[in-house]
N, C-alpha and C. Protein backbone atom coordinates (compact mmCIF):
# COMPACT_ATOMS: atom_id res chain seq x y z
N MET A 1 8.15 19.64 -17.17
CA MET A 1 9.14 18.63 -16.92
C MET A 1 8.48 17.45 -16.19
N PHE A 2 8.76 16.26 -16.66
CA PHE A 2 8.12 15.07 -16.13
C PHE A 2 8.62 14.70 -14.73
N SER A 3 9.91 14.85 -14.48
CA SER A 3 10.47 14.49 -13.17
C SER A 3 11.39 15.60 -12.67
N THR A 4 11.28 15.83 -11.35
CA THR A 4 12.12 16.83 -10.70
C THR A 4 12.81 16.18 -9.52
N TYR A 5 14.12 16.26 -9.51
CA TYR A 5 14.92 15.70 -8.41
C TYR A 5 15.17 16.76 -7.36
N ASP A 6 15.00 16.39 -6.09
CA ASP A 6 15.27 17.28 -4.95
C ASP A 6 16.31 16.59 -4.07
N TYR A 7 17.49 17.20 -3.98
CA TYR A 7 18.61 16.64 -3.22
C TYR A 7 18.77 17.29 -1.85
N SER A 8 17.84 18.13 -1.44
CA SER A 8 17.99 18.93 -0.23
C SER A 8 18.06 18.10 1.05
N LYS A 9 17.58 16.87 1.04
CA LYS A 9 17.62 16.00 2.23
C LYS A 9 18.52 14.79 1.99
N PHE A 10 19.54 14.97 1.15
CA PHE A 10 20.44 13.87 0.84
C PHE A 10 20.98 13.26 2.12
N PRO A 11 20.98 11.95 2.27
CA PRO A 11 20.98 10.93 1.22
C PRO A 11 19.60 10.53 0.70
N GLU A 12 18.52 11.14 1.22
CA GLU A 12 17.21 10.89 0.63
C GLU A 12 17.07 11.80 -0.58
N VAL A 13 16.77 11.22 -1.71
CA VAL A 13 16.57 11.97 -2.94
C VAL A 13 15.10 11.84 -3.31
N LYS A 14 14.43 12.97 -3.32
CA LYS A 14 13.00 12.97 -3.66
C LYS A 14 12.85 13.27 -5.14
N VAL A 15 12.04 12.46 -5.79
CA VAL A 15 11.75 12.66 -7.21
C VAL A 15 10.24 12.82 -7.34
N VAL A 16 9.84 13.96 -7.84
CA VAL A 16 8.41 14.26 -8.01
C VAL A 16 8.09 14.18 -9.50
N PHE A 17 7.08 13.38 -9.81
CA PHE A 17 6.62 13.23 -11.19
C PHE A 17 5.36 14.06 -11.38
N SER A 18 5.27 14.70 -12.54
CA SER A 18 4.05 15.45 -12.85
C SER A 18 3.79 15.39 -14.34
N GLY A 19 2.53 15.22 -14.67
CA GLY A 19 2.14 15.18 -16.07
C GLY A 19 2.59 13.92 -16.77
N ASN A 20 2.70 14.03 -18.08
CA ASN A 20 3.05 12.90 -18.94
C ASN A 20 4.48 13.06 -19.46
N ILE A 21 5.09 11.95 -19.84
CA ILE A 21 6.37 12.03 -20.54
C ILE A 21 6.06 12.51 -21.96
N GLN A 22 6.64 13.63 -22.34
CA GLN A 22 6.37 14.19 -23.65
C GLN A 22 7.18 13.50 -24.75
N ASP A 23 8.41 13.09 -24.41
CA ASP A 23 9.27 12.43 -25.40
C ASP A 23 10.44 11.76 -24.68
N ASP A 24 11.27 11.09 -25.46
CA ASP A 24 12.39 10.35 -24.87
C ASP A 24 13.37 11.25 -24.13
N SER A 25 13.46 12.52 -24.50
CA SER A 25 14.41 13.41 -23.82
C SER A 25 14.06 13.56 -22.34
N GLU A 26 12.78 13.53 -21.99
CA GLU A 26 12.40 13.61 -20.58
C GLU A 26 12.76 12.33 -19.84
N TYR A 27 12.63 11.20 -20.50
CA TYR A 27 13.04 9.93 -19.92
C TYR A 27 14.56 9.93 -19.69
N VAL A 28 15.32 10.38 -20.68
CA VAL A 28 16.78 10.43 -20.57
C VAL A 28 17.20 11.37 -19.44
N LEU A 29 16.53 12.48 -19.29
CA LEU A 29 16.84 13.40 -18.19
C LEU A 29 16.65 12.70 -16.84
N PHE A 30 15.57 11.93 -16.71
CA PHE A 30 15.31 11.17 -15.48
C PHE A 30 16.43 10.17 -15.21
N THR A 31 16.80 9.37 -16.21
CA THR A 31 17.81 8.34 -15.99
C THR A 31 19.21 8.93 -15.85
N ASP A 32 19.50 10.02 -16.54
CA ASP A 32 20.82 10.66 -16.41
C ASP A 32 21.06 11.14 -14.98
N GLN A 33 20.03 11.67 -14.34
CA GLN A 33 20.20 12.14 -12.96
C GLN A 33 20.41 10.96 -12.01
N TRP A 34 19.75 9.84 -12.27
CA TRP A 34 19.95 8.63 -11.49
C TRP A 34 21.40 8.14 -11.66
N LEU A 35 21.87 8.13 -12.90
CA LEU A 35 23.25 7.73 -13.17
C LEU A 35 24.25 8.63 -12.46
N GLN A 36 23.94 9.93 -12.42
CA GLN A 36 24.84 10.87 -11.75
C GLN A 36 24.98 10.53 -10.27
N LEU A 37 23.90 10.08 -9.65
CA LEU A 37 23.98 9.67 -8.24
C LEU A 37 24.96 8.52 -8.07
N TYR A 38 25.00 7.60 -9.01
CA TYR A 38 25.96 6.50 -8.96
C TYR A 38 27.38 7.00 -9.19
N GLU A 39 27.54 7.96 -10.08
CA GLU A 39 28.87 8.52 -10.34
C GLU A 39 29.41 9.27 -9.13
N ASP A 40 28.52 9.79 -8.29
CA ASP A 40 28.94 10.49 -7.07
C ASP A 40 29.43 9.52 -6.00
N LYS A 41 29.12 8.23 -6.18
CA LYS A 41 29.61 7.15 -5.31
C LYS A 41 29.28 7.35 -3.83
N GLN A 42 28.01 7.73 -3.57
CA GLN A 42 27.51 7.84 -2.21
C GLN A 42 26.18 7.09 -2.14
N GLU A 43 25.99 6.35 -1.05
CA GLU A 43 24.73 5.63 -0.88
C GLU A 43 23.58 6.61 -0.71
N PHE A 44 22.41 6.23 -1.22
CA PHE A 44 21.25 7.11 -1.17
C PHE A 44 19.98 6.28 -1.18
N THR A 45 18.85 6.94 -0.88
CA THR A 45 17.53 6.34 -0.99
C THR A 45 16.69 7.23 -1.90
N PHE A 46 15.72 6.62 -2.54
CA PHE A 46 14.78 7.37 -3.36
C PHE A 46 13.44 7.48 -2.65
N LEU A 47 12.81 8.63 -2.79
CA LEU A 47 11.43 8.85 -2.39
C LEU A 47 10.74 9.39 -3.65
N PHE A 48 9.97 8.54 -4.30
CA PHE A 48 9.27 8.92 -5.52
C PHE A 48 7.84 9.31 -5.17
N ASP A 49 7.41 10.47 -5.66
CA ASP A 49 6.02 10.90 -5.47
C ASP A 49 5.34 10.91 -6.84
N VAL A 50 4.37 10.02 -7.00
CA VAL A 50 3.69 9.88 -8.30
C VAL A 50 2.27 10.45 -8.28
N GLU A 51 1.95 11.24 -7.24
CA GLU A 51 0.59 11.76 -7.08
C GLU A 51 0.10 12.51 -8.32
N ASN A 52 0.95 13.30 -8.93
CA ASN A 52 0.54 14.13 -10.06
C ASN A 52 1.03 13.61 -11.41
N MET A 53 1.46 12.34 -11.40
CA MET A 53 1.92 11.74 -12.65
C MET A 53 0.72 11.47 -13.55
N GLY A 54 0.88 11.78 -14.81
CA GLY A 54 -0.18 11.53 -15.77
C GLY A 54 -0.11 10.10 -16.30
N ILE A 55 -0.73 9.91 -17.43
CA ILE A 55 -0.72 8.61 -18.09
C ILE A 55 0.65 8.41 -18.74
N VAL A 56 1.27 7.29 -18.43
CA VAL A 56 2.59 6.97 -18.98
C VAL A 56 2.44 5.73 -19.87
N SER A 57 3.03 5.80 -21.03
CA SER A 57 2.96 4.67 -21.96
C SER A 57 3.70 3.46 -21.39
N PRO A 58 3.14 2.27 -21.56
CA PRO A 58 3.85 1.05 -21.15
C PRO A 58 5.22 0.91 -21.82
N TYR A 59 5.43 1.59 -22.93
CA TYR A 59 6.74 1.61 -23.59
C TYR A 59 7.83 1.98 -22.60
N TYR A 60 7.53 2.94 -21.73
CA TYR A 60 8.54 3.38 -20.76
C TYR A 60 8.74 2.36 -19.64
N CYS A 61 7.79 1.48 -19.41
CA CYS A 61 7.99 0.38 -18.46
C CYS A 61 9.12 -0.50 -18.95
N TYR A 62 9.11 -0.82 -20.24
CA TYR A 62 10.15 -1.66 -20.82
C TYR A 62 11.51 -0.96 -20.78
N LYS A 63 11.49 0.34 -21.06
CA LYS A 63 12.74 1.10 -21.04
C LYS A 63 13.32 1.16 -19.62
N ILE A 64 12.49 1.43 -18.62
CA ILE A 64 13.01 1.55 -17.25
C ILE A 64 13.42 0.17 -16.72
N ALA A 65 12.73 -0.87 -17.12
CA ALA A 65 13.13 -2.22 -16.71
C ALA A 65 14.52 -2.53 -17.26
N GLY A 66 14.78 -2.16 -18.50
CA GLY A 66 16.12 -2.35 -19.07
C GLY A 66 17.16 -1.53 -18.34
N PHE A 67 16.81 -0.31 -17.99
CA PHE A 67 17.72 0.55 -17.24
C PHE A 67 18.02 -0.04 -15.87
N ILE A 68 17.01 -0.53 -15.18
CA ILE A 68 17.21 -1.15 -13.87
C ILE A 68 18.14 -2.36 -14.01
N GLY A 69 17.96 -3.13 -15.08
CA GLY A 69 18.84 -4.26 -15.33
C GLY A 69 20.28 -3.84 -15.48
N GLU A 70 20.51 -2.73 -16.19
CA GLU A 70 21.87 -2.20 -16.33
C GLU A 70 22.42 -1.75 -14.98
N MET A 71 21.59 -1.12 -14.16
CA MET A 71 22.04 -0.63 -12.85
C MET A 71 22.36 -1.80 -11.92
N ARG A 72 21.64 -2.90 -12.07
CA ARG A 72 21.90 -4.09 -11.24
C ARG A 72 23.28 -4.68 -11.54
N GLN A 73 23.80 -4.42 -12.72
CA GLN A 73 25.11 -4.95 -13.11
C GLN A 73 26.28 -4.15 -12.54
N LYS A 74 25.98 -2.99 -11.98
CA LYS A 74 27.04 -2.15 -11.42
C LYS A 74 27.70 -2.87 -10.25
N LYS A 75 28.99 -2.62 -10.08
CA LYS A 75 29.76 -3.29 -9.02
C LYS A 75 29.21 -2.98 -7.63
N HIS A 76 28.90 -1.72 -7.37
CA HIS A 76 28.36 -1.31 -6.07
C HIS A 76 26.96 -0.76 -6.27
N ARG A 77 26.05 -1.16 -5.43
CA ARG A 77 24.66 -0.67 -5.51
C ARG A 77 24.48 0.44 -4.49
N TYR A 78 24.59 1.66 -4.96
CA TYR A 78 24.48 2.82 -4.07
C TYR A 78 23.04 3.06 -3.63
N LEU A 79 22.08 2.64 -4.44
CA LEU A 79 20.66 2.79 -4.07
C LEU A 79 20.32 1.78 -2.99
N GLN A 80 19.98 2.26 -1.79
CA GLN A 80 19.71 1.40 -0.65
C GLN A 80 18.26 0.96 -0.54
N SER A 81 17.33 1.83 -0.90
CA SER A 81 15.90 1.50 -0.87
C SER A 81 15.14 2.60 -1.60
N SER A 82 13.90 2.28 -1.92
CA SER A 82 13.01 3.26 -2.56
C SER A 82 11.64 3.18 -1.92
N THR A 83 11.00 4.33 -1.83
CA THR A 83 9.61 4.42 -1.42
C THR A 83 8.87 5.16 -2.52
N ILE A 84 7.74 4.61 -2.92
CA ILE A 84 6.93 5.23 -3.96
C ILE A 84 5.60 5.62 -3.32
N LEU A 85 5.31 6.92 -3.31
CA LEU A 85 4.14 7.47 -2.62
C LEU A 85 2.99 7.75 -3.58
N ASN A 86 1.77 7.70 -3.03
CA ASN A 86 0.56 8.13 -3.75
C ASN A 86 0.30 7.32 -5.01
N VAL A 87 0.42 6.00 -4.89
CA VAL A 87 0.30 5.12 -6.04
C VAL A 87 -1.17 4.75 -6.27
N ASN A 88 -1.69 5.14 -7.43
CA ASN A 88 -3.05 4.76 -7.79
C ASN A 88 -3.01 3.43 -8.55
N SER A 89 -4.16 2.93 -8.95
CA SER A 89 -4.22 1.61 -9.58
C SER A 89 -3.49 1.59 -10.93
N PHE A 90 -3.54 2.68 -11.68
CA PHE A 90 -2.84 2.73 -12.96
C PHE A 90 -1.33 2.67 -12.74
N ALA A 91 -0.82 3.51 -11.84
CA ALA A 91 0.62 3.52 -11.55
C ALA A 91 1.07 2.16 -11.02
N TYR A 92 0.24 1.54 -10.18
CA TYR A 92 0.59 0.23 -9.64
C TYR A 92 0.68 -0.81 -10.76
N GLY A 93 -0.22 -0.73 -11.71
CA GLY A 93 -0.16 -1.64 -12.86
C GLY A 93 1.15 -1.49 -13.63
N LEU A 94 1.58 -0.24 -13.81
CA LEU A 94 2.86 0.00 -14.49
C LEU A 94 4.02 -0.56 -13.68
N LEU A 95 3.98 -0.35 -12.37
CA LEU A 95 5.05 -0.87 -11.50
C LEU A 95 5.10 -2.39 -11.56
N LYS A 96 3.95 -3.02 -11.60
CA LYS A 96 3.92 -4.49 -11.68
C LYS A 96 4.58 -4.97 -12.97
N ILE A 97 4.35 -4.25 -14.07
CA ILE A 97 5.00 -4.61 -15.34
C ILE A 97 6.51 -4.48 -15.20
N VAL A 98 6.96 -3.35 -14.66
CA VAL A 98 8.40 -3.11 -14.51
C VAL A 98 9.04 -4.21 -13.67
N PHE A 99 8.46 -4.49 -12.51
CA PHE A 99 9.08 -5.46 -11.60
C PHE A 99 8.88 -6.90 -12.04
N MET A 100 7.95 -7.15 -12.94
CA MET A 100 7.82 -8.48 -13.53
C MET A 100 8.97 -8.68 -14.53
N LEU A 101 9.30 -7.62 -15.26
CA LEU A 101 10.39 -7.69 -16.24
C LEU A 101 11.77 -7.68 -15.58
N GLN A 102 11.89 -6.94 -14.49
CA GLN A 102 13.18 -6.78 -13.82
C GLN A 102 12.96 -6.53 -12.34
N PRO A 103 13.50 -7.37 -11.47
CA PRO A 103 13.37 -7.11 -10.04
C PRO A 103 14.05 -5.78 -9.68
N PRO A 104 13.62 -5.16 -8.61
CA PRO A 104 14.24 -3.89 -8.22
C PRO A 104 15.69 -4.08 -7.77
N ILE A 105 16.43 -3.00 -7.74
CA ILE A 105 17.83 -2.99 -7.31
C ILE A 105 17.92 -3.21 -5.80
N SER A 106 17.00 -2.60 -5.09
CA SER A 106 16.95 -2.66 -3.63
C SER A 106 15.48 -2.72 -3.22
N PRO A 107 15.18 -2.94 -1.93
CA PRO A 107 13.76 -3.02 -1.52
C PRO A 107 12.96 -1.77 -1.89
N VAL A 108 11.73 -2.01 -2.32
CA VAL A 108 10.82 -0.92 -2.71
C VAL A 108 9.56 -1.03 -1.87
N THR A 109 9.20 0.07 -1.22
CA THR A 109 7.94 0.17 -0.48
C THR A 109 6.99 1.02 -1.31
N ILE A 110 5.84 0.45 -1.62
CA ILE A 110 4.83 1.15 -2.41
C ILE A 110 3.68 1.53 -1.47
N GLN A 111 3.43 2.83 -1.35
CA GLN A 111 2.33 3.32 -0.52
C GLN A 111 1.18 3.74 -1.44
N HIS A 112 0.13 2.93 -1.42
CA HIS A 112 -1.03 3.17 -2.28
C HIS A 112 -1.86 4.33 -1.73
N ILE A 113 -2.63 4.95 -2.62
CA ILE A 113 -3.45 6.09 -2.18
C ILE A 113 -4.52 5.69 -1.17
N ASP A 114 -4.87 4.40 -1.12
CA ASP A 114 -5.86 3.94 -0.15
C ASP A 114 -5.22 3.65 1.23
N GLY A 115 -3.90 3.88 1.34
CA GLY A 115 -3.21 3.67 2.62
C GLY A 115 -2.53 2.32 2.74
N SER A 116 -2.83 1.39 1.84
CA SER A 116 -2.18 0.08 1.93
C SER A 116 -0.74 0.16 1.44
N ILE A 117 0.03 -0.84 1.84
CA ILE A 117 1.47 -0.88 1.55
C ILE A 117 1.80 -2.19 0.85
N THR A 118 2.64 -2.11 -0.15
CA THR A 118 3.18 -3.29 -0.81
C THR A 118 4.69 -3.17 -0.78
N VAL A 119 5.39 -4.25 -0.43
CA VAL A 119 6.85 -4.25 -0.43
C VAL A 119 7.33 -5.21 -1.50
N VAL A 120 8.25 -4.71 -2.33
CA VAL A 120 8.83 -5.53 -3.40
C VAL A 120 10.31 -5.68 -3.06
N LYS A 121 10.76 -6.92 -2.95
CA LYS A 121 12.15 -7.18 -2.62
C LYS A 121 12.93 -7.57 -3.87
N PRO A 122 14.23 -7.25 -3.87
CA PRO A 122 15.07 -7.61 -5.02
C PRO A 122 15.15 -9.10 -5.25
């Protein structure tokens, strides 16, 4: 499974990525769980761990940018902030594509594997 959601510290929702996206069904599973958080109508934060994420096709950058655009149109933005941990240069390149296409919903803190921090504001 490409992404695993951990709700044990809610309102912090940890999402751990591992391996590669095998097909669109894994992408849909990721976005469906995000949508469910909005349907629950409670504010939350994301903590994404990309340490064990494999190579992801840029195709999914375009898909997630479109999804973020749809989420930005929602009346209430339940997502308060996101932190992305263990970001290597490849993952950072993908994030730059996503945020160039669509600004984030809420502030994003990117913690690079070298210890540096990048903040992306909506």
